[in-house]
Amino acid sequence: MMQIRFSSILRKYEVPYALVRPGSGGHYDEYGDYIPAVPNMVPLRGVIQPISSQLQQAEGGQYTAEDRTLYTVHRHESGDLILYQDQEYTVDVPENREYSDTNKYIIKKRVANDPVQRNP
């Protein structure tokens, strides 16, 4: 199968974002209070665009105007936590793109009081 090379086009428009990995090694201080580990921030680059209104409607309102589409050469797993412009997003189900050297993901904005979202 022929693979289409889009990565050179992405380089022109890509912006920085971070993949947040949970840290390890939380500890207790001298007062017995638990201090959680500092998460690891992996700096990456990609193109982040708003989701089209057709996709918002086609998926039965599953996506909102605050959700985004991420195009990148990096691989992400479903549930990965992304930090972009001080906003947290969760990677939704990845799209299989065997024909391209780039990957496309829908990232959903995390809401602090939404009990449905999974923690990374």
N, C-alpha and C. Protein backbone atom coordinates (compact mmCIF):
# COMPACT_ATOMS: atom_id res chain seq x y z
N MET A 1 0.84 -1.17 0.00
CA MET A 1 0.00 0.00 0.00
C MET A 1 0.89 1.25 0.00
N MET A 2 0.53 2.21 -0.81
CA MET A 2 1.27 3.45 -0.89
C MET A 2 0.98 4.31 0.34
N GLN A 3 2.02 4.86 0.91
CA GLN A 3 1.84 5.71 2.09
C GLN A 3 2.02 7.17 1.69
N ILE A 4 1.03 7.98 2.03
CA ILE A 4 1.08 9.41 1.70
C ILE A 4 1.85 10.13 2.81
N ARG A 5 2.73 11.03 2.41
CA ARG A 5 3.59 11.74 3.36
C ARG A 5 3.05 13.15 3.61
N PHE A 6 2.41 13.31 4.76
CA PHE A 6 1.87 14.60 5.16
C PHE A 6 2.73 15.30 6.21
N SER A 7 3.73 14.63 6.75
CA SER A 7 4.49 15.20 7.87
C SER A 7 5.17 16.52 7.51
N SER A 8 5.60 16.69 6.28
CA SER A 8 6.25 17.96 5.90
C SER A 8 5.24 19.11 5.91
N ILE A 9 3.99 18.83 5.59
CA ILE A 9 2.95 19.86 5.65
C ILE A 9 2.65 20.22 7.11
N LEU A 10 2.63 19.22 7.97
CA LEU A 10 2.36 19.47 9.38
C LEU A 10 3.40 20.38 10.01
N ARG A 11 4.67 20.20 9.63
CA ARG A 11 5.74 21.00 10.23
C ARG A 11 5.50 22.49 10.07
N LYS A 12 4.85 22.88 9.01
CA LYS A 12 4.60 24.30 8.76
C LYS A 12 3.60 24.89 9.75
N TYR A 13 2.65 24.07 10.23
CA TYR A 13 1.56 24.58 11.07
C TYR A 13 1.57 24.03 12.50
N GLU A 14 2.53 23.20 12.84
CA GLU A 14 2.48 22.55 14.14
C GLU A 14 2.77 23.52 15.29
N VAL A 15 2.18 23.18 16.43
CA VAL A 15 2.32 23.95 17.66
C VAL A 15 2.76 23.00 18.78
N PRO A 16 3.34 23.53 19.85
CA PRO A 16 3.75 22.65 20.94
C PRO A 16 2.56 22.25 21.81
N TYR A 17 2.60 21.01 22.29
CA TYR A 17 1.67 20.53 23.30
C TYR A 17 2.44 19.52 24.15
N ALA A 18 1.86 19.07 25.24
CA ALA A 18 2.56 18.15 26.13
C ALA A 18 1.71 16.92 26.39
N LEU A 19 2.36 15.78 26.42
CA LEU A 19 1.74 14.54 26.83
C LEU A 19 2.05 14.38 28.31
N VAL A 20 1.03 14.25 29.14
CA VAL A 20 1.20 14.18 30.59
C VAL A 20 1.19 12.71 31.00
N ARG A 21 2.30 12.25 31.53
CA ARG A 21 2.44 10.88 32.03
C ARG A 21 2.41 10.94 33.57
N PRO A 22 1.69 10.02 34.20
CA PRO A 22 1.67 10.04 35.66
C PRO A 22 3.07 9.77 36.22
N GLY A 23 3.41 10.52 37.24
CA GLY A 23 4.72 10.35 37.87
C GLY A 23 4.73 9.15 38.81
N SER A 24 5.88 8.72 39.19
CA SER A 24 6.00 7.62 40.14
C SER A 24 6.84 8.10 41.32
N GLY A 25 6.60 7.52 42.47
CA GLY A 25 7.44 7.86 43.62
C GLY A 25 6.81 8.87 44.55
N GLY A 26 5.48 8.87 44.70
CA GLY A 26 4.87 9.73 45.71
C GLY A 26 5.37 9.33 47.09
N HIS A 27 5.34 10.25 48.03
CA HIS A 27 5.87 9.96 49.36
C HIS A 27 5.06 10.68 50.43
N TYR A 28 5.33 10.32 51.68
CA TYR A 28 4.69 10.96 52.83
C TYR A 28 5.68 11.92 53.46
N ASP A 29 5.19 13.11 53.84
CA ASP A 29 6.08 14.05 54.51
C ASP A 29 6.15 13.72 56.00
N GLU A 30 6.87 14.56 56.76
CA GLU A 30 7.08 14.28 58.18
C GLU A 30 5.80 14.36 59.01
N TYR A 31 4.73 14.97 58.45
CA TYR A 31 3.45 15.07 59.16
C TYR A 31 2.49 13.94 58.77
N GLY A 32 2.91 13.07 57.89
CA GLY A 32 2.08 11.95 57.46
C GLY A 32 1.16 12.27 56.29
N ASP A 33 1.32 13.47 55.70
CA ASP A 33 0.51 13.84 54.54
C ASP A 33 1.15 13.28 53.27
N TYR A 34 0.32 12.72 52.41
CA TYR A 34 0.83 12.13 51.18
C TYR A 34 1.12 13.22 50.17
N ILE A 35 2.29 13.22 49.61
CA ILE A 35 2.71 14.14 48.54
C ILE A 35 2.74 13.32 47.26
N PRO A 36 1.81 13.58 46.31
CA PRO A 36 1.82 12.79 45.08
C PRO A 36 3.02 13.12 44.21
N ALA A 37 3.38 12.18 43.37
CA ALA A 37 4.51 12.37 42.46
C ALA A 37 4.17 13.43 41.42
N VAL A 38 5.17 14.13 40.98
CA VAL A 38 5.00 15.15 39.95
C VAL A 38 4.86 14.44 38.60
N PRO A 39 3.81 14.78 37.83
CA PRO A 39 3.65 14.11 36.52
C PRO A 39 4.77 14.49 35.56
N ASN A 40 5.09 13.56 34.68
CA ASN A 40 6.11 13.79 33.66
C ASN A 40 5.45 14.45 32.45
N MET A 41 6.03 15.54 31.99
CA MET A 41 5.52 16.26 30.82
C MET A 41 6.45 15.95 29.64
N VAL A 42 5.89 15.32 28.61
CA VAL A 42 6.65 14.99 27.41
C VAL A 42 6.30 16.03 26.34
N PRO A 43 7.24 16.92 25.98
CA PRO A 43 6.92 17.93 24.97
C PRO A 43 6.84 17.32 23.57
N LEU A 44 5.74 17.63 22.87
CA LEU A 44 5.52 17.13 21.51
C LEU A 44 5.03 18.28 20.65
N ARG A 45 4.90 18.01 19.35
CA ARG A 45 4.40 19.03 18.42
C ARG A 45 3.35 18.40 17.52
N GLY A 46 2.36 19.19 17.14
CA GLY A 46 1.31 18.70 16.27
C GLY A 46 0.42 19.85 15.84
N VAL A 47 -0.53 19.56 14.97
CA VAL A 47 -1.51 20.55 14.51
C VAL A 47 -2.80 20.28 15.25
N ILE A 48 -3.32 21.29 15.94
CA ILE A 48 -4.55 21.15 16.71
C ILE A 48 -5.59 22.08 16.11
N GLN A 49 -6.71 21.49 15.67
CA GLN A 49 -7.76 22.23 14.97
C GLN A 49 -9.10 22.02 15.68
N PRO A 50 -10.04 22.96 15.52
CA PRO A 50 -11.39 22.74 16.05
C PRO A 50 -12.08 21.59 15.31
N ILE A 51 -13.02 20.96 15.98
CA ILE A 51 -13.80 19.89 15.36
C ILE A 51 -14.87 20.53 14.49
N SER A 52 -15.11 19.93 13.35
CA SER A 52 -16.12 20.47 12.44
C SER A 52 -17.52 20.28 13.01
N SER A 53 -18.43 21.15 12.62
CA SER A 53 -19.81 21.04 13.10
C SER A 53 -20.49 19.79 12.56
N GLN A 54 -20.08 19.30 11.37
CA GLN A 54 -20.66 18.07 10.84
C GLN A 54 -20.32 16.88 11.73
N LEU A 55 -19.09 16.82 12.24
CA LEU A 55 -18.70 15.73 13.12
C LEU A 55 -19.45 15.82 14.44
N GLN A 56 -19.65 17.01 14.95
CA GLN A 56 -20.40 17.18 16.20
C GLN A 56 -21.81 16.63 16.04
N GLN A 57 -22.43 16.88 14.90
CA GLN A 57 -23.79 16.42 14.67
C GLN A 57 -23.83 14.94 14.30
N ALA A 58 -22.87 14.48 13.52
CA ALA A 58 -22.88 13.09 13.05
C ALA A 58 -22.68 12.11 14.19
N GLU A 59 -21.94 12.48 15.19
CA GLU A 59 -21.69 11.58 16.31
C GLU A 59 -22.75 11.73 17.40
N GLY A 60 -23.89 12.30 17.07
CA GLY A 60 -24.99 12.40 18.02
C GLY A 60 -24.72 13.36 19.16
N GLY A 61 -23.96 14.39 18.90
CA GLY A 61 -23.67 15.38 19.94
C GLY A 61 -22.62 14.92 20.92
N GLN A 62 -21.88 13.88 20.58
CA GLN A 62 -20.85 13.35 21.48
C GLN A 62 -19.71 14.35 21.65
N TYR A 63 -19.45 15.15 20.64
CA TYR A 63 -18.37 16.12 20.70
C TYR A 63 -18.93 17.53 20.85
N THR A 64 -18.14 18.40 21.49
CA THR A 64 -18.56 19.78 21.70
C THR A 64 -17.63 20.71 20.92
N ALA A 65 -17.96 21.99 20.92
CA ALA A 65 -17.14 22.98 20.23
C ALA A 65 -15.78 23.15 20.91
N GLU A 66 -15.64 22.71 22.16
CA GLU A 66 -14.37 22.83 22.87
C GLU A 66 -13.43 21.67 22.61
N ASP A 67 -13.93 20.61 21.98
CA ASP A 67 -13.08 19.47 21.62
C ASP A 67 -12.27 19.83 20.37
N ARG A 68 -11.17 19.11 20.16
CA ARG A 68 -10.26 19.43 19.06
C ARG A 68 -9.86 18.17 18.30
N THR A 69 -9.30 18.39 17.10
CA THR A 69 -8.69 17.34 16.30
C THR A 69 -7.19 17.56 16.34
N LEU A 70 -6.43 16.50 16.60
CA LEU A 70 -4.97 16.56 16.69
C LEU A 70 -4.37 15.75 15.56
N TYR A 71 -3.50 16.38 14.77
CA TYR A 71 -2.73 15.69 13.74
C TYR A 71 -1.27 15.72 14.18
N THR A 72 -0.64 14.57 14.26
CA THR A 72 0.73 14.50 14.73
C THR A 72 1.42 13.26 14.16
N VAL A 73 2.75 13.26 14.20
CA VAL A 73 3.49 12.08 13.78
C VAL A 73 3.69 11.12 14.95
N HIS A 74 3.36 11.55 16.16
CA HIS A 74 3.51 10.73 17.36
C HIS A 74 2.30 9.83 17.55
N ARG A 75 2.51 8.72 18.20
CA ARG A 75 1.41 7.78 18.50
C ARG A 75 0.89 8.03 19.91
N HIS A 76 -0.43 8.05 20.03
CA HIS A 76 -1.08 8.19 21.33
C HIS A 76 -2.03 7.03 21.54
N GLU A 77 -2.31 6.75 22.79
CA GLU A 77 -3.27 5.72 23.16
C GLU A 77 -4.57 6.39 23.58
N SER A 78 -5.65 5.67 23.49
CA SER A 78 -6.93 6.17 23.98
C SER A 78 -6.82 6.41 25.48
N GLY A 79 -7.22 7.60 25.93
CA GLY A 79 -7.15 7.94 27.35
C GLY A 79 -5.92 8.75 27.72
N ASP A 80 -4.97 8.95 26.79
CA ASP A 80 -3.80 9.78 27.10
C ASP A 80 -4.24 11.19 27.44
N LEU A 81 -3.52 11.81 28.37
CA LEU A 81 -3.81 13.18 28.79
C LEU A 81 -2.90 14.13 28.04
N ILE A 82 -3.51 15.14 27.38
CA ILE A 82 -2.78 16.13 26.58
C ILE A 82 -2.97 17.50 27.24
N LEU A 83 -1.90 18.27 27.32
CA LEU A 83 -1.97 19.64 27.83
C LEU A 83 -1.65 20.58 26.68
N TYR A 84 -2.61 21.45 26.35
CA TYR A 84 -2.43 22.39 25.25
C TYR A 84 -3.04 23.73 25.67
N GLN A 85 -2.23 24.78 25.66
CA GLN A 85 -2.64 26.13 26.04
C GLN A 85 -3.36 26.13 27.39
N ASP A 86 -2.75 25.48 28.37
CA ASP A 86 -3.25 25.39 29.75
C ASP A 86 -4.61 24.72 29.87
N GLN A 87 -5.01 23.96 28.87
CA GLN A 87 -6.24 23.18 28.91
C GLN A 87 -5.88 21.70 28.83
N GLU A 88 -6.60 20.88 29.58
CA GLU A 88 -6.37 19.45 29.54
C GLU A 88 -7.36 18.79 28.60
N TYR A 89 -6.86 17.88 27.79
CA TYR A 89 -7.67 17.13 26.84
C TYR A 89 -7.36 15.64 27.01
N THR A 90 -8.34 14.80 26.73
CA THR A 90 -8.16 13.35 26.76
C THR A 90 -8.30 12.82 25.34
N VAL A 91 -7.37 11.96 24.94
CA VAL A 91 -7.41 11.37 23.61
C VAL A 91 -8.58 10.39 23.55
N ASP A 92 -9.47 10.62 22.59
CA ASP A 92 -10.59 9.72 22.37
C ASP A 92 -10.09 8.56 21.50
N VAL A 93 -10.95 7.76 20.99
CA VAL A 93 -10.56 6.60 20.19
C VAL A 93 -9.73 7.05 18.99
N PRO A 94 -8.50 6.53 18.84
CA PRO A 94 -7.66 6.92 17.70
C PRO A 94 -8.21 6.40 16.38
N GLU A 95 -7.91 7.15 15.32
CA GLU A 95 -8.33 6.74 13.97
C GLU A 95 -7.18 5.99 13.31
N ASN A 96 -7.48 4.85 12.71
CA ASN A 96 -6.47 4.04 12.02
C ASN A 96 -6.16 4.66 10.66
N ARG A 97 -4.91 5.09 10.47
CA ARG A 97 -4.51 5.74 9.22
C ARG A 97 -3.27 5.05 8.66
N GLU A 98 -3.43 3.86 8.13
CA GLU A 98 -2.30 3.10 7.60
C GLU A 98 -1.74 3.71 6.33
N TYR A 99 -2.51 4.53 5.66
CA TYR A 99 -2.09 5.11 4.39
C TYR A 99 -1.27 6.38 4.56
N SER A 100 -1.10 6.87 5.77
CA SER A 100 -0.45 8.15 5.99
C SER A 100 0.65 8.03 7.04
N ASP A 101 1.64 8.94 6.97
CA ASP A 101 2.69 8.96 7.98
C ASP A 101 2.32 9.84 9.17
N THR A 102 1.11 10.37 9.19
CA THR A 102 0.63 11.15 10.32
C THR A 102 -0.54 10.44 11.00
N ASN A 103 -0.83 10.83 12.22
CA ASN A 103 -1.91 10.24 12.98
C ASN A 103 -2.95 11.30 13.29
N LYS A 104 -4.21 10.90 13.31
CA LYS A 104 -5.31 11.82 13.60
C LYS A 104 -6.03 11.34 14.85
N TYR A 105 -6.25 12.26 15.79
CA TYR A 105 -6.93 11.94 17.03
C TYR A 105 -7.98 13.00 17.32
N ILE A 106 -9.07 12.58 17.94
CA ILE A 106 -10.02 13.52 18.50
C ILE A 106 -9.66 13.65 19.97
N ILE A 107 -9.44 14.88 20.43
CA ILE A 107 -9.12 15.09 21.84
C ILE A 107 -10.27 15.85 22.47
N LYS A 108 -10.76 15.31 23.58
CA LYS A 108 -11.91 15.88 24.27
C LYS A 108 -11.45 16.71 25.46
N LYS A 109 -11.99 17.90 25.59
CA LYS A 109 -11.63 18.77 26.71
C LYS A 109 -12.09 18.14 28.01
N ARG A 110 -11.20 18.12 29.00
CA ARG A 110 -11.53 17.57 30.31
C ARG A 110 -12.24 18.63 31.14
N VAL A 111 -13.30 18.21 31.79
CA VAL A 111 -14.05 19.08 32.68
C VAL A 111 -13.82 18.56 34.10
N ALA A 112 -13.45 19.45 35.01
CA ALA A 112 -13.05 19.04 36.35
C ALA A 112 -14.15 18.30 37.10
N ASN A 113 -15.40 18.68 36.92
CA ASN A 113 -16.47 18.06 37.70
C ASN A 113 -17.27 17.04 36.90
N ASP A 114 -16.72 16.53 35.81
CA ASP A 114 -17.40 15.52 35.00
C ASP A 114 -17.02 14.13 35.51
N PRO A 115 -17.93 13.41 36.16
CA PRO A 115 -17.57 12.12 36.75
C PRO A 115 -17.41 11.00 35.73
N VAL A 116 -17.78 11.22 34.48
CA VAL A 116 -17.73 10.16 33.47
C VAL A 116 -16.32 9.96 32.93
N GLN A 117 -15.51 11.02 32.89
CA GLN A 117 -14.19 10.93 32.28
C GLN A 117 -13.28 10.05 33.11
N ARG A 118 -12.40 9.30 32.39
CA ARG A 118 -11.44 8.43 33.05
C ARG A 118 -10.21 9.22 33.44
N ASN A 119 -9.61 8.84 34.55
CA ASN A 119 -8.33 9.42 34.93
C ASN A 119 -7.23 8.65 34.23
N PRO A 120 -6.17 9.35 33.80
CA PRO A 120 -5.08 8.66 33.10
C PRO A 120 -4.31 7.74 34.01
